């Protein structure tokens, strides 16, 4: 993370609303695959007596019917089956509530280019405007805050930072872990 990015982030702390989010998908290519679960949590960072405090807010979670079978390889990772999503809304149906939840918040995701590419592809397929919110990647933040770790996967970082992971590779829990990881990185970068 460069100095300009760090300065921009520091300028947002204490005054911006953030949303940590995570998608579970049918595969890895945003243009070919679909979202099967959305998890998100709104939060703020407030400075109190020289320390950055995390203030978690409301959550958003929804299974999404991708309109196609979920490959077994994807289900093996996130545990979401075709039956689980059979009565769930499509992304187009869920998008108004999700995009309203995002609002103008600063977005936070682990490996953000992946999730942002899926958000853009799904919005385009649904004929919706692609959100242009500022976004931060906790993977890059962690590399700046704690260089030289052997792994920067969300699971490895959660373990390194002592963040409890209840349901790895499920949208809501990964979003919560991402939020907590963001807060830990902020505390290290701006102490």
N, C-alpha and C. Protein backbone atom coordinates (compact mmCIF):
# COMPACT_ATOMS: atom_id res chain seq x y z
N UNK A 1 0.86 -1.17 0.00
CA UNK A 1 0.00 0.00 0.00
C UNK A 1 0.90 1.23 0.00
N UNK A 2 0.70 2.10 -0.98
CA UNK A 2 1.52 3.30 -1.09
C UNK A 2 1.11 4.37 -0.08
N UNK A 3 1.99 5.36 0.05
CA UNK A 3 1.72 6.45 0.99
C UNK A 3 0.43 7.20 0.66
N UNK A 4 0.17 7.41 -0.64
CA UNK A 4 -1.04 8.14 -1.05
C UNK A 4 -2.29 7.36 -0.64
N UNK A 5 -2.27 6.03 -0.86
CA UNK A 5 -3.41 5.19 -0.46
C UNK A 5 -3.58 5.20 1.05
N UNK A 6 -2.47 5.13 1.75
CA UNK A 6 -2.51 5.14 3.21
C UNK A 6 -3.08 6.47 3.72
N UNK A 7 -2.64 7.56 3.12
CA UNK A 7 -3.15 8.88 3.51
C UNK A 7 -4.64 9.00 3.22
N UNK A 8 -5.07 8.49 2.06
CA UNK A 8 -6.49 8.54 1.71
C UNK A 8 -7.32 7.75 2.71
N UNK A 9 -6.85 6.56 3.07
CA UNK A 9 -7.56 5.75 4.06
C UNK A 9 -7.61 6.47 5.40
N UNK A 10 -6.50 7.01 5.83
CA UNK A 10 -6.47 7.72 7.12
C UNK A 10 -7.48 8.87 7.13
N UNK A 11 -7.63 9.54 5.99
CA UNK A 11 -8.59 10.64 5.89
C UNK A 11 -10.04 10.18 6.00
N UNK A 12 -10.31 8.92 5.68
CA UNK A 12 -11.67 8.39 5.76
C UNK A 12 -12.03 7.89 7.16
N UNK A 13 -11.02 7.46 7.89
CA UNK A 13 -11.27 6.91 9.22
C UNK A 13 -11.91 7.96 10.12
N UNK A 14 -12.87 7.55 10.89
CA UNK A 14 -13.52 8.46 11.81
C UNK A 14 -14.65 9.27 11.20
N UNK A 15 -14.78 9.23 9.86
CA UNK A 15 -15.87 9.99 9.26
C UNK A 15 -16.66 9.21 8.22
N UNK A 16 -16.12 8.12 7.71
CA UNK A 16 -16.81 7.34 6.68
C UNK A 16 -17.50 6.11 7.28
N UNK A 17 -18.52 5.68 6.58
CA UNK A 17 -19.15 4.39 6.88
C UNK A 17 -18.49 3.37 5.97
N UNK A 18 -18.19 2.19 6.51
CA UNK A 18 -17.56 1.12 5.75
C UNK A 18 -18.52 -0.06 5.67
N UNK A 19 -18.40 -0.85 4.60
CA UNK A 19 -19.12 -2.12 4.51
C UNK A 19 -18.11 -3.18 4.08
N UNK A 20 -17.89 -4.15 4.97
CA UNK A 20 -17.09 -5.33 4.62
C UNK A 20 -18.04 -6.32 3.98
N UNK A 21 -17.64 -6.89 2.85
CA UNK A 21 -18.54 -7.83 2.18
C UNK A 21 -17.76 -8.99 1.59
N UNK A 22 -18.50 -10.06 1.33
CA UNK A 22 -17.90 -11.26 0.75
C UNK A 22 -18.95 -11.97 -0.09
N UNK A 23 -18.51 -12.50 -1.21
CA UNK A 23 -19.37 -13.32 -2.06
C UNK A 23 -18.85 -14.75 -2.07
N UNK A 24 -19.76 -15.69 -2.05
CA UNK A 24 -19.44 -17.08 -2.39
C UNK A 24 -19.98 -17.27 -3.80
N UNK A 25 -19.26 -18.03 -4.62
CA UNK A 25 -19.57 -18.09 -6.05
C UNK A 25 -19.57 -19.52 -6.59
N UNK A 26 -19.99 -19.63 -7.86
CA UNK A 26 -19.97 -20.93 -8.53
C UNK A 26 -18.59 -21.25 -9.10
N UNK A 27 -17.70 -20.29 -9.11
CA UNK A 27 -16.36 -20.49 -9.66
C UNK A 27 -15.54 -19.23 -9.52
N UNK A 28 -14.45 -19.15 -10.27
CA UNK A 28 -13.49 -18.07 -10.08
C UNK A 28 -13.54 -16.95 -11.12
N UNK A 29 -14.20 -17.18 -12.26
CA UNK A 29 -14.21 -16.18 -13.33
C UNK A 29 -15.51 -15.39 -13.32
N UNK A 30 -15.40 -14.11 -13.00
CA UNK A 30 -16.59 -13.26 -12.83
C UNK A 30 -17.47 -13.20 -14.08
N UNK A 31 -16.87 -13.22 -15.25
CA UNK A 31 -17.67 -13.11 -16.48
C UNK A 31 -18.42 -14.40 -16.81
N UNK A 32 -17.98 -15.53 -16.25
CA UNK A 32 -18.62 -16.81 -16.55
C UNK A 32 -19.42 -17.37 -15.39
N UNK A 33 -19.04 -17.04 -14.19
CA UNK A 33 -19.64 -17.66 -13.00
C UNK A 33 -20.62 -16.71 -12.32
N UNK A 34 -21.27 -17.20 -11.25
CA UNK A 34 -22.32 -16.44 -10.58
C UNK A 34 -22.11 -16.43 -9.07
N UNK A 35 -22.71 -15.45 -8.43
CA UNK A 35 -22.73 -15.35 -6.97
C UNK A 35 -23.79 -16.28 -6.42
N UNK A 36 -23.47 -17.00 -5.32
CA UNK A 36 -24.46 -17.86 -4.66
C UNK A 36 -24.76 -17.41 -3.23
N UNK A 37 -23.93 -16.50 -2.70
CA UNK A 37 -24.19 -15.98 -1.36
C UNK A 37 -23.54 -14.61 -1.21
N UNK A 38 -24.26 -13.72 -0.53
CA UNK A 38 -23.75 -12.39 -0.19
C UNK A 38 -23.74 -12.27 1.32
N UNK A 39 -22.63 -11.81 1.86
CA UNK A 39 -22.55 -11.48 3.28
C UNK A 39 -21.92 -10.10 3.40
N UNK A 40 -22.48 -9.26 4.26
CA UNK A 40 -21.95 -7.90 4.41
C UNK A 40 -22.25 -7.39 5.82
N UNK A 41 -21.37 -6.53 6.30
CA UNK A 41 -21.57 -5.90 7.60
C UNK A 41 -21.11 -4.44 7.52
N UNK A 42 -21.95 -3.54 8.01
CA UNK A 42 -21.63 -2.11 8.03
C UNK A 42 -20.87 -1.82 9.33
N UNK A 43 -19.88 -0.94 9.24
CA UNK A 43 -19.13 -0.59 10.45
C UNK A 43 -18.49 0.78 10.31
N UNK A 44 -17.99 1.26 11.42
CA UNK A 44 -17.27 2.54 11.45
C UNK A 44 -16.03 2.36 12.32
N UNK A 45 -15.07 3.21 12.10
CA UNK A 45 -13.87 3.26 12.93
C UNK A 45 -13.85 4.62 13.59
N UNK A 46 -13.71 4.63 14.91
CA UNK A 46 -13.69 5.88 15.66
C UNK A 46 -12.41 5.94 16.50
N UNK A 47 -11.80 7.11 16.52
CA UNK A 47 -10.59 7.27 17.34
C UNK A 47 -11.01 7.70 18.74
N UNK A 48 -10.48 6.98 19.71
CA UNK A 48 -10.78 7.28 21.11
C UNK A 48 -9.50 7.13 21.91
N UNK A 49 -9.08 8.22 22.49
CA UNK A 49 -7.86 8.24 23.30
C UNK A 49 -6.66 7.67 22.54
N UNK A 50 -6.55 8.06 21.27
CA UNK A 50 -5.42 7.65 20.45
C UNK A 50 -5.50 6.24 19.89
N UNK A 51 -6.60 5.54 20.11
CA UNK A 51 -6.78 4.18 19.59
C UNK A 51 -7.97 4.15 18.63
N UNK A 52 -7.87 3.34 17.59
CA UNK A 52 -8.98 3.19 16.65
C UNK A 52 -9.89 2.07 17.13
N UNK A 53 -11.15 2.42 17.37
CA UNK A 53 -12.15 1.46 17.84
C UNK A 53 -13.08 1.08 16.70
N UNK A 54 -13.43 -0.17 16.67
CA UNK A 54 -14.37 -0.71 15.69
C UNK A 54 -15.77 -0.64 16.26
N UNK A 55 -16.70 -0.12 15.47
CA UNK A 55 -18.10 -0.09 15.86
C UNK A 55 -18.91 -0.79 14.77
N UNK A 56 -19.28 -2.05 15.04
CA UNK A 56 -20.02 -2.84 14.05
C UNK A 56 -21.48 -2.45 14.04
N UNK A 57 -22.07 -2.48 12.86
CA UNK A 57 -23.48 -2.13 12.69
C UNK A 57 -24.28 -3.28 12.12
N UNK A 58 -25.27 -2.92 11.32
CA UNK A 58 -26.17 -3.94 10.80
C UNK A 58 -25.50 -4.82 9.76
N UNK A 59 -26.10 -6.00 9.57
CA UNK A 59 -25.58 -6.98 8.63
C UNK A 59 -26.58 -7.23 7.52
N UNK A 60 -26.06 -7.71 6.40
CA UNK A 60 -26.89 -8.13 5.27
C UNK A 60 -26.39 -9.51 4.87
N UNK A 61 -27.30 -10.44 4.68
CA UNK A 61 -26.92 -11.78 4.23
C UNK A 61 -28.04 -12.35 3.38
N UNK A 62 -27.67 -12.99 2.29
CA UNK A 62 -28.66 -13.63 1.43
C UNK A 62 -28.00 -14.72 0.60
N UNK A 63 -28.66 -15.86 0.54
CA UNK A 63 -28.29 -16.84 -0.46
C UNK A 63 -28.83 -16.33 -1.78
N UNK A 64 -28.18 -16.67 -2.87
CA UNK A 64 -28.56 -16.20 -4.20
C UNK A 64 -28.70 -17.41 -5.13
N UNK A 65 -29.80 -17.47 -5.84
CA UNK A 65 -29.99 -18.54 -6.82
C UNK A 65 -29.24 -18.12 -8.09
N UNK A 66 -28.20 -18.87 -8.47
CA UNK A 66 -27.40 -18.47 -9.62
C UNK A 66 -28.06 -18.78 -10.96
N UNK A 67 -29.19 -19.50 -10.94
CA UNK A 67 -29.86 -19.83 -12.18
C UNK A 67 -29.17 -20.92 -12.97
N UNK A 68 -28.30 -21.64 -12.32
CA UNK A 68 -27.56 -22.76 -12.93
C UNK A 68 -27.07 -23.65 -11.81
N UNK A 69 -26.72 -24.89 -12.12
CA UNK A 69 -26.20 -25.78 -11.07
C UNK A 69 -24.89 -25.25 -10.49
N UNK A 70 -24.73 -25.46 -9.19
CA UNK A 70 -23.48 -25.10 -8.51
C UNK A 70 -22.52 -26.27 -8.67
N UNK A 71 -21.36 -26.06 -9.28
CA UNK A 71 -20.41 -27.16 -9.45
C UNK A 71 -20.01 -27.78 -8.10
N UNK A 72 -19.80 -29.08 -8.11
CA UNK A 72 -19.46 -29.79 -6.87
C UNK A 72 -18.17 -29.25 -6.26
N UNK A 73 -17.22 -28.81 -7.10
CA UNK A 73 -15.96 -28.26 -6.57
C UNK A 73 -16.22 -26.99 -5.76
N UNK A 74 -17.16 -26.16 -6.22
CA UNK A 74 -17.50 -24.94 -5.49
C UNK A 74 -18.25 -25.28 -4.21
N UNK A 75 -19.20 -26.21 -4.30
CA UNK A 75 -19.96 -26.62 -3.10
C UNK A 75 -19.04 -27.22 -2.05
N UNK A 76 -17.98 -27.91 -2.49
CA UNK A 76 -17.04 -28.51 -1.54
C UNK A 76 -16.31 -27.43 -0.74
N UNK A 77 -16.16 -26.24 -1.30
CA UNK A 77 -15.48 -25.15 -0.61
C UNK A 77 -16.42 -24.43 0.35
N UNK A 78 -17.58 -23.99 -0.16
CA UNK A 78 -18.47 -23.17 0.68
C UNK A 78 -19.64 -23.92 1.28
N UNK A 79 -19.88 -25.15 0.84
CA UNK A 79 -20.95 -25.95 1.44
C UNK A 79 -22.35 -25.57 0.99
N UNK A 80 -22.47 -24.73 -0.02
CA UNK A 80 -23.79 -24.30 -0.51
C UNK A 80 -24.18 -25.18 -1.69
N UNK A 81 -25.37 -25.78 -1.58
CA UNK A 81 -25.84 -26.70 -2.62
C UNK A 81 -26.96 -26.07 -3.45
N UNK A 82 -27.29 -26.74 -4.54
CA UNK A 82 -28.41 -26.30 -5.38
C UNK A 82 -29.70 -26.24 -4.56
N UNK A 83 -29.90 -27.22 -3.68
CA UNK A 83 -31.10 -27.24 -2.84
C UNK A 83 -31.14 -26.02 -1.92
N UNK A 84 -29.99 -25.64 -1.38
CA UNK A 84 -29.92 -24.48 -0.48
C UNK A 84 -30.42 -23.20 -1.14
N UNK A 85 -30.15 -23.05 -2.44
CA UNK A 85 -30.49 -21.80 -3.14
C UNK A 85 -31.74 -21.91 -4.00
N UNK A 86 -32.39 -23.06 -4.00
CA UNK A 86 -33.51 -23.28 -4.93
C UNK A 86 -34.65 -22.28 -4.76
N UNK A 87 -34.90 -21.80 -3.57
CA UNK A 87 -35.98 -20.83 -3.35
C UNK A 87 -35.44 -19.43 -3.01
N UNK A 88 -34.16 -19.21 -3.28
CA UNK A 88 -33.53 -17.92 -3.00
C UNK A 88 -33.71 -16.98 -4.18
N UNK A 89 -33.59 -15.67 -3.93
CA UNK A 89 -33.72 -14.71 -5.04
C UNK A 89 -32.51 -14.79 -5.97
N UNK A 90 -32.73 -14.37 -7.21
CA UNK A 90 -31.60 -14.20 -8.14
C UNK A 90 -30.83 -12.95 -7.70
N UNK A 91 -29.65 -12.75 -8.27
CA UNK A 91 -28.91 -11.53 -7.94
C UNK A 91 -29.74 -10.31 -8.32
N UNK A 92 -30.38 -10.34 -9.49
CA UNK A 92 -31.18 -9.20 -9.93
C UNK A 92 -32.29 -8.88 -8.93
N UNK A 93 -32.89 -9.91 -8.33
CA UNK A 93 -33.95 -9.70 -7.34
C UNK A 93 -33.38 -9.20 -6.01
N UNK A 94 -32.21 -9.67 -5.63
CA UNK A 94 -31.60 -9.28 -4.35
C UNK A 94 -30.85 -7.95 -4.45
N UNK A 95 -30.45 -7.57 -5.65
CA UNK A 95 -29.59 -6.40 -5.83
C UNK A 95 -30.14 -5.10 -5.25
N UNK A 96 -31.42 -4.76 -5.43
CA UNK A 96 -31.87 -3.47 -4.87
C UNK A 96 -31.60 -3.35 -3.37
N UNK A 97 -31.90 -4.38 -2.61
CA UNK A 97 -31.67 -4.32 -1.16
C UNK A 97 -30.17 -4.29 -0.85
N UNK A 98 -29.39 -5.09 -1.57
CA UNK A 98 -27.95 -5.13 -1.32
C UNK A 98 -27.29 -3.80 -1.69
N UNK A 99 -27.63 -3.27 -2.85
CA UNK A 99 -27.02 -2.01 -3.28
C UNK A 99 -27.43 -0.85 -2.38
N UNK A 100 -28.66 -0.89 -1.88
CA UNK A 100 -29.11 0.11 -0.90
C UNK A 100 -28.30 -0.03 0.39
N UNK A 101 -28.05 -1.28 0.80
CA UNK A 101 -27.24 -1.53 2.00
C UNK A 101 -25.84 -0.93 1.82
N UNK A 102 -25.25 -1.12 0.63
CA UNK A 102 -23.91 -0.57 0.37
C UNK A 102 -23.94 0.96 0.40
N UNK A 103 -24.98 1.55 -0.18
CA UNK A 103 -25.08 3.00 -0.23
C UNK A 103 -23.80 3.62 -0.75
N UNK A 104 -23.32 4.66 -0.08
CA UNK A 104 -22.07 5.29 -0.49
C UNK A 104 -20.92 4.93 0.45
N UNK A 105 -21.09 3.82 1.17
CA UNK A 105 -20.05 3.37 2.09
C UNK A 105 -18.77 3.00 1.35
N UNK A 106 -17.67 3.06 2.05
CA UNK A 106 -16.39 2.57 1.54
C UNK A 106 -16.44 1.05 1.66
N UNK A 107 -16.13 0.36 0.56
CA UNK A 107 -16.20 -1.10 0.55
C UNK A 107 -14.88 -1.70 1.01
N UNK A 108 -14.99 -2.83 1.71
CA UNK A 108 -13.83 -3.55 2.22
C UNK A 108 -14.04 -5.03 1.91
N UNK A 109 -13.04 -5.64 1.28
CA UNK A 109 -13.13 -7.07 0.96
C UNK A 109 -11.74 -7.67 1.00
N UNK A 110 -11.67 -8.97 1.23
CA UNK A 110 -10.39 -9.66 1.21
C UNK A 110 -10.19 -10.18 -0.21
N UNK A 111 -9.08 -9.79 -0.83
CA UNK A 111 -8.86 -10.02 -2.25
C UNK A 111 -9.96 -9.28 -3.02
N UNK A 112 -10.08 -7.99 -2.74
CA UNK A 112 -11.15 -7.14 -3.27
C UNK A 112 -11.33 -7.21 -4.79
N UNK A 113 -10.27 -7.30 -5.60
CA UNK A 113 -10.51 -7.37 -7.04
C UNK A 113 -11.44 -8.52 -7.44
N UNK A 114 -11.37 -9.65 -6.75
CA UNK A 114 -12.24 -10.78 -7.03
C UNK A 114 -13.70 -10.40 -6.79
N UNK A 115 -14.01 -9.93 -5.58
CA UNK A 115 -15.39 -9.60 -5.23
C UNK A 115 -15.92 -8.42 -6.05
N UNK A 116 -15.08 -7.43 -6.29
CA UNK A 116 -15.51 -6.28 -7.08
C UNK A 116 -15.79 -6.67 -8.53
N UNK A 117 -15.02 -7.61 -9.07
CA UNK A 117 -15.27 -8.09 -10.44
C UNK A 117 -16.60 -8.82 -10.51
N UNK A 118 -16.91 -9.63 -9.49
CA UNK A 118 -18.21 -10.31 -9.47
C UNK A 118 -19.35 -9.32 -9.31
N UNK A 119 -19.18 -8.31 -8.46
CA UNK A 119 -20.21 -7.30 -8.29
C UNK A 119 -20.48 -6.59 -9.61
N UNK A 120 -19.42 -6.20 -10.30
CA UNK A 120 -19.57 -5.51 -11.59
C UNK A 120 -20.25 -6.41 -12.62
N UNK A 121 -19.81 -7.66 -12.72
CA UNK A 121 -20.38 -8.57 -13.72
C UNK A 121 -21.85 -8.85 -13.45
N UNK A 122 -22.20 -9.08 -12.18
CA UNK A 122 -23.60 -9.35 -11.84
C UNK A 122 -24.47 -8.12 -12.08
N UNK A 123 -23.98 -6.94 -11.74
CA UNK A 123 -24.75 -5.71 -11.99
C UNK A 123 -24.95 -5.50 -13.49
N UNK A 124 -23.91 -5.71 -14.27
CA UNK A 124 -24.03 -5.56 -15.72
C UNK A 124 -25.03 -6.54 -16.29
N UNK A 125 -24.98 -7.81 -15.86
CA UNK A 125 -25.95 -8.81 -16.35
C UNK A 125 -27.38 -8.42 -15.98
N UNK A 126 -27.54 -7.79 -14.82
CA UNK A 126 -28.87 -7.40 -14.34
C UNK A 126 -29.32 -6.05 -14.90
N UNK A 127 -28.47 -5.40 -15.69
CA UNK A 127 -28.81 -4.10 -16.25
C UNK A 127 -28.79 -2.98 -15.23
N UNK A 128 -27.97 -3.15 -14.19
CA UNK A 128 -27.88 -2.16 -13.11
C UNK A 128 -26.55 -1.41 -13.18
N UNK A 129 -26.55 -0.20 -12.66
CA UNK A 129 -25.31 0.57 -12.59
C UNK A 129 -24.34 -0.12 -11.64
N UNK A 130 -23.09 -0.17 -12.05
CA UNK A 130 -22.04 -0.76 -11.22
C UNK A 130 -21.63 0.27 -10.16
N UNK A 131 -21.67 -0.10 -8.89
CA UNK A 131 -21.27 0.85 -7.84
C UNK A 131 -19.84 1.34 -8.06
N UNK A 132 -19.63 2.62 -7.77
CA UNK A 132 -18.29 3.21 -7.94
C UNK A 132 -17.68 3.59 -6.60
N UNK A 133 -18.12 2.92 -5.54
CA UNK A 133 -17.62 3.21 -4.19
C UNK A 133 -16.11 3.01 -4.11
N UNK A 134 -15.49 3.79 -3.26
CA UNK A 134 -14.09 3.54 -2.93
C UNK A 134 -14.01 2.17 -2.28
N UNK A 135 -12.90 1.48 -2.46
CA UNK A 135 -12.77 0.13 -1.90
C UNK A 135 -11.35 -0.11 -1.41
N UNK A 136 -11.25 -0.93 -0.36
CA UNK A 136 -9.96 -1.33 0.20
C UNK A 136 -9.90 -2.84 0.30
N UNK A 137 -8.70 -3.36 0.06
CA UNK A 137 -8.45 -4.79 0.07
C UNK A 137 -7.69 -5.15 1.35
N UNK A 138 -8.31 -5.98 2.20
CA UNK A 138 -7.64 -6.34 3.46
C UNK A 138 -6.39 -7.19 3.22
N UNK A 139 -6.31 -7.85 2.10
CA UNK A 139 -5.09 -8.61 1.80
C UNK A 139 -3.91 -7.65 1.62
N UNK A 140 -4.14 -6.56 0.88
CA UNK A 140 -3.08 -5.55 0.70
C UNK A 140 -2.79 -4.80 1.99
N UNK A 141 -3.85 -4.48 2.74
CA UNK A 141 -3.64 -3.81 4.03
C UNK A 141 -2.78 -4.67 4.95
N UNK A 142 -3.08 -5.96 4.99
CA UNK A 142 -2.32 -6.87 5.86
C UNK A 142 -0.86 -6.96 5.41
N UNK A 143 -0.63 -6.96 4.10
CA UNK A 143 0.76 -7.01 3.61
C UNK A 143 1.53 -5.77 4.03
N UNK A 144 0.85 -4.62 4.12
CA UNK A 144 1.50 -3.39 4.58
C UNK A 144 1.69 -3.40 6.10
N UNK A 145 0.67 -3.88 6.80
CA UNK A 145 0.69 -3.84 8.27
C UNK A 145 1.62 -4.89 8.87
N UNK A 146 1.65 -6.07 8.28
CA UNK A 146 2.48 -7.17 8.79
C UNK A 146 3.17 -7.88 7.63
N UNK A 147 4.23 -7.27 7.11
CA UNK A 147 4.94 -7.88 5.98
C UNK A 147 5.62 -9.19 6.38
N UNK A 148 5.86 -10.01 5.39
CA UNK A 148 6.65 -11.24 5.53
C UNK A 148 5.92 -12.39 6.20
N UNK A 149 4.60 -12.38 6.22
CA UNK A 149 3.89 -13.56 6.72
C UNK A 149 3.94 -14.64 5.64
N UNK A 150 3.88 -15.91 6.03
CA UNK A 150 3.93 -16.98 5.03
C UNK A 150 2.68 -17.05 4.15
N UNK A 151 1.53 -16.59 4.66
CA UNK A 151 0.29 -16.63 3.88
C UNK A 151 -0.58 -15.43 4.24
N UNK A 152 -1.27 -14.92 3.24
CA UNK A 152 -2.19 -13.80 3.45
C UNK A 152 -3.62 -14.21 3.11
N UNK A 153 -3.91 -15.51 3.19
CA UNK A 153 -5.29 -15.95 3.02
C UNK A 153 -6.09 -15.44 4.21
N UNK A 154 -7.40 -15.32 4.03
CA UNK A 154 -8.23 -14.83 5.13
C UNK A 154 -8.13 -15.76 6.33
N UNK A 155 -8.11 -17.06 6.07
CA UNK A 155 -8.01 -18.04 7.17
C UNK A 155 -6.70 -17.88 7.93
N UNK A 156 -5.59 -17.76 7.20
CA UNK A 156 -4.27 -17.61 7.84
C UNK A 156 -4.18 -16.31 8.63
N UNK A 157 -4.71 -15.23 8.06
CA UNK A 157 -4.66 -13.94 8.77
C UNK A 157 -5.56 -13.95 9.99
N UNK A 158 -6.73 -14.57 9.88
CA UNK A 158 -7.62 -14.68 11.05
C UNK A 158 -6.90 -15.41 12.17
N UNK A 159 -6.21 -16.48 11.82
CA UNK A 159 -5.46 -17.23 12.82
C UNK A 159 -4.32 -16.39 13.41
N UNK A 160 -3.57 -15.70 12.56
CA UNK A 160 -2.45 -14.87 13.02
C UNK A 160 -2.90 -13.75 13.95
N UNK A 161 -4.08 -13.18 13.68
CA UNK A 161 -4.59 -12.06 14.47
C UNK A 161 -5.51 -12.51 15.61
N UNK A 162 -5.74 -13.81 15.73
CA UNK A 162 -6.62 -14.30 16.80
C UNK A 162 -8.08 -13.95 16.58
N UNK A 163 -8.50 -13.88 15.33
CA UNK A 163 -9.90 -13.59 15.00
C UNK A 163 -10.63 -14.91 14.82
N UNK A 164 -11.69 -15.11 15.61
CA UNK A 164 -12.45 -16.36 15.53
C UNK A 164 -13.17 -16.45 14.19
N UNK A 165 -13.00 -17.59 13.53
CA UNK A 165 -13.68 -17.85 12.27
C UNK A 165 -14.65 -18.99 12.50
N UNK A 166 -15.95 -18.68 12.47
CA UNK A 166 -16.97 -19.69 12.78
C UNK A 166 -17.32 -20.55 11.58
N UNK A 167 -17.50 -19.90 10.43
CA UNK A 167 -17.88 -20.62 9.21
C UNK A 167 -17.06 -20.09 8.04
N UNK A 168 -15.83 -20.56 7.91
CA UNK A 168 -14.99 -20.12 6.80
C UNK A 168 -15.68 -20.43 5.48
N UNK A 169 -15.50 -19.55 4.53
CA UNK A 169 -16.10 -19.66 3.20
C UNK A 169 -17.61 -19.60 3.23
N UNK A 170 -18.15 -18.86 4.19
CA UNK A 170 -19.57 -18.48 4.16
C UNK A 170 -19.59 -16.96 4.20
N UNK A 171 -20.44 -16.37 3.39
CA UNK A 171 -20.44 -14.93 3.17
C UNK A 171 -20.47 -14.08 4.43
N UNK A 172 -21.43 -14.33 5.31
CA UNK A 172 -21.59 -13.48 6.50
C UNK A 172 -20.39 -13.57 7.43
N UNK A 173 -19.89 -14.79 7.66
CA UNK A 173 -18.75 -14.93 8.57
C UNK A 173 -17.48 -14.36 7.95
N UNK A 174 -17.26 -14.60 6.66
CA UNK A 174 -16.08 -14.04 6.01
C UNK A 174 -16.13 -12.51 6.02
N UNK A 175 -17.32 -11.92 5.86
CA UNK A 175 -17.45 -10.46 5.91
C UNK A 175 -17.10 -9.95 7.31
N UNK A 176 -17.57 -10.65 8.35
CA UNK A 176 -17.27 -10.26 9.73
C UNK A 176 -15.77 -10.36 10.00
N UNK A 177 -15.15 -11.45 9.57
CA UNK A 177 -13.71 -11.63 9.76
C UNK A 177 -12.95 -10.54 9.00
N UNK A 178 -13.40 -10.23 7.80
CA UNK A 178 -12.77 -9.17 7.00
C UNK A 178 -12.85 -7.83 7.72
N UNK A 179 -14.01 -7.53 8.31
CA UNK A 179 -14.19 -6.29 9.08
C UNK A 179 -13.19 -6.24 10.24
N UNK A 180 -13.10 -7.33 10.98
CA UNK A 180 -12.19 -7.37 12.13
C UNK A 180 -10.73 -7.27 11.69
N UNK A 181 -10.40 -7.91 10.58
CA UNK A 181 -9.04 -7.83 10.04
C UNK A 181 -8.72 -6.39 9.62
N UNK A 182 -9.67 -5.73 8.98
CA UNK A 182 -9.49 -4.33 8.60
C UNK A 182 -9.17 -3.49 9.83
N UNK A 183 -9.95 -3.67 10.89
CA UNK A 183 -9.73 -2.91 12.13
C UNK A 183 -8.35 -3.17 12.71
N UNK A 184 -7.92 -4.43 12.72
CA UNK A 184 -6.59 -4.76 13.26
C UNK A 184 -5.50 -4.10 12.43
N UNK A 185 -5.65 -4.14 11.09
CA UNK A 185 -4.65 -3.53 10.22
C UNK A 185 -4.60 -2.01 10.42
N UNK A 186 -5.77 -1.38 10.55
CA UNK A 186 -5.83 0.06 10.80
C UNK A 186 -5.07 0.40 12.07
N UNK A 187 -5.29 -0.39 13.11
CA UNK A 187 -4.61 -0.12 14.39
C UNK A 187 -3.09 -0.22 14.25
N UNK A 188 -2.62 -1.15 13.43
CA UNK A 188 -1.18 -1.30 13.22
C UNK A 188 -0.61 -0.20 12.32
N UNK A 189 -1.36 0.16 11.29
CA UNK A 189 -0.87 1.15 10.33
C UNK A 189 -0.92 2.57 10.86
N UNK A 190 -1.87 2.85 11.77
CA UNK A 190 -2.08 4.22 12.24
C UNK A 190 -2.00 4.33 13.75
N UNK A 191 -0.97 3.72 14.35
CA UNK A 191 -0.83 3.82 15.81
C UNK A 191 -0.11 5.07 16.20
